[in-house]
């Protein structure tokens, strides 16, 4: 594999005004996922669990057999378990988001002839990255 060797001393990279113009034109270097319906997805996931399905079936049996007080008690228990599960899932998602922000990748680029350490979101088209 033959390639052209470029010395870092000869590279100047982008200037600050160029970076500002490119950032205004293209925005931050971020992947924006479509907003998800986390609450609805979490509720559906809870309802699809085998134990939850069994609890719902037994609750409906209580009501069909005329045991209304037991059915209401079972319904309250199912509701409490569901709320606790949703709360735990919410806390887990927050922890994962915090870890993702903490472990944000950093990249070395050349700007104005200097080696600069940047967050990956601050890259703009035309940056010279050092690998």
Protein backbone atom coordinates (compact mmCIF):
# COMPACT_ATOMS: atom_id res chain seq x y z
CA UNK A 1 0.00 0.00 0.00
CA UNK A 2 1.62 3.21 -1.09
CA UNK A 3 0.50 6.54 0.14
CA UNK A 4 1.57 10.09 0.41
CA UNK A 5 3.13 11.03 3.75
CA UNK A 6 1.99 14.40 5.03
CA UNK A 7 3.87 16.08 7.83
CA UNK A 8 1.78 17.70 10.56
CA UNK A 9 3.94 20.79 10.43
CA UNK A 10 2.58 21.56 6.96
CA UNK A 11 -1.09 21.36 7.99
CA UNK A 12 -2.90 24.35 9.40
CA UNK A 13 -6.45 23.02 9.58
CA UNK A 14 -9.49 25.26 9.81
CA UNK A 15 -9.44 28.75 11.25
CA UNK A 16 -11.84 29.84 13.99
CA UNK A 17 -13.99 31.93 11.62
CA UNK A 18 -14.26 28.94 9.26
CA UNK A 19 -15.29 26.69 12.16
CA UNK A 20 -17.98 29.17 13.24
CA UNK A 21 -19.31 29.45 9.68
CA UNK A 22 -19.37 25.66 9.19
CA UNK A 23 -21.06 25.09 12.57
CA UNK A 24 -23.76 27.63 11.66
CA UNK A 25 -24.21 25.97 8.28
CA UNK A 26 -24.20 22.30 9.39
CA UNK A 27 -24.90 22.43 13.13
CA UNK A 28 -23.37 20.17 15.75
CA UNK A 29 -22.00 16.75 14.84
CA UNK A 30 -24.78 14.89 16.67
CA UNK A 31 -26.97 11.97 15.80
CA UNK A 32 -30.54 12.93 16.59
CA UNK A 33 -32.71 9.88 17.06
CA UNK A 34 -36.41 10.30 16.58
CA UNK A 35 -38.12 10.83 19.91
CA UNK A 36 -39.47 7.54 21.11
CA UNK A 37 -42.57 6.80 23.08
CA UNK A 38 -40.69 5.41 26.03
CA UNK A 39 -43.62 5.43 28.41
CA UNK A 40 -45.91 3.59 26.00
CA UNK A 41 -43.17 1.13 25.05
CA UNK A 42 -42.38 0.46 28.72
CA UNK A 43 -46.04 -0.11 29.57
CA UNK A 44 -46.40 -2.54 26.66
CA UNK A 45 -43.23 -4.37 27.71
CA UNK A 46 -44.58 -4.75 31.25
CA UNK A 47 -47.92 -6.03 29.98
CA UNK A 48 -46.18 -8.62 27.76
CA UNK A 49 -44.28 -10.22 30.63
CA UNK A 50 -45.50 -13.76 31.35
CA UNK A 51 -46.04 -13.14 35.07
CA UNK A 52 -48.05 -10.00 34.36
CA UNK A 53 -50.20 -11.89 31.86
CA UNK A 54 -50.91 -14.56 34.50
CA UNK A 55 -51.81 -11.89 37.05
CA UNK A 56 -54.18 -10.19 34.61
CA UNK A 57 -55.82 -13.52 33.75
CA UNK A 58 -56.28 -14.38 37.42
CA UNK A 59 -57.67 -10.90 38.09
CA UNK A 60 -60.20 -11.27 35.29
CA UNK A 61 -61.17 -14.72 36.66
CA UNK A 62 -61.90 -13.17 40.05
CA UNK A 63 -64.24 -10.67 38.42
CA UNK A 64 -65.99 -13.28 36.25
CA UNK A 65 -66.50 -15.58 39.26
CA UNK A 66 -68.09 -12.74 41.21
CA UNK A 67 -65.21 -12.29 43.67
CA UNK A 68 -65.14 -8.53 43.18
CA UNK A 69 -63.19 -7.68 46.34
CA UNK A 70 -60.39 -10.12 45.45
CA UNK A 71 -60.41 -8.83 41.86
CA UNK A 72 -60.06 -5.24 43.05
CA UNK A 73 -57.26 -6.24 45.44
CA UNK A 74 -55.46 -8.04 42.59
CA UNK A 75 -55.97 -5.03 40.30
CA UNK A 76 -54.45 -2.72 42.92
CA UNK A 77 -51.47 -5.08 43.31
CA UNK A 78 -50.96 -5.20 39.53
CA UNK A 79 -51.09 -1.40 39.40
CA UNK A 80 -48.52 -1.02 42.20
CA UNK A 81 -46.14 -3.51 40.56
CA UNK A 82 -46.54 -1.72 37.20
CA UNK A 83 -45.82 1.70 38.68
CA UNK A 84 -42.73 0.39 40.47
CA UNK A 85 -41.50 -1.25 37.24
CA UNK A 86 -42.03 1.98 35.27
CA UNK A 87 -40.16 3.98 37.91
CA UNK A 88 -37.21 1.55 37.87
CA UNK A 89 -37.09 1.61 34.08
CA UNK A 90 -37.09 5.41 34.09
CA UNK A 91 -34.22 5.52 36.58
CA UNK A 92 -32.26 2.98 34.52
CA UNK A 93 -32.70 5.07 31.35
CA UNK A 94 -31.51 8.19 33.18
CA UNK A 95 -28.42 6.34 34.43
CA UNK A 96 -27.63 5.10 30.92
CA UNK A 97 -27.97 8.62 29.48
CA UNK A 98 -25.67 9.99 32.18
CA UNK A 99 -23.08 7.30 31.43
CA UNK A 100 -23.27 8.08 27.71
CA UNK A 101 -22.59 11.76 28.39
CA UNK A 102 -19.73 10.88 30.75
CA UNK A 103 -18.06 8.61 28.22
CA UNK A 104 -18.37 11.03 25.31
CA UNK A 105 -15.67 10.36 22.71
CA UNK A 106 -12.96 12.96 22.24
CA UNK A 107 -11.04 13.57 19.02
CA UNK A 108 -7.77 15.32 18.25
CA UNK A 109 -7.88 17.69 15.29
CA UNK A 110 -5.65 20.32 13.78
CA UNK A 111 -7.05 23.83 13.85
CA UNK A 112 -5.06 26.97 13.12
CA UNK A 113 -1.88 24.89 13.02
CA UNK A 114 -2.37 23.52 16.55
CA UNK A 115 -3.41 20.11 17.82
CA UNK A 116 -6.73 20.54 19.64
CA UNK A 117 -8.67 17.99 21.73
CA UNK A 118 -12.44 18.27 21.02
CA UNK A 119 -15.65 16.51 21.87
CA UNK A 120 -16.87 14.62 18.79
CA UNK A 121 -19.95 16.85 18.61
CA UNK A 122 -17.70 19.86 17.93
CA UNK A 123 -16.31 18.42 14.67
CA UNK A 124 -17.19 20.24 11.48
CA UNK A 125 -16.71 19.26 7.83
CA UNK A 126 -13.13 19.96 6.81
CA UNK A 127 -11.53 19.22 10.19
CA UNK A 128 -8.28 17.28 10.00
CA UNK A 129 -8.46 14.46 12.55
CA UNK A 130 -5.39 12.85 14.03
CA UNK A 131 -5.66 9.08 14.40
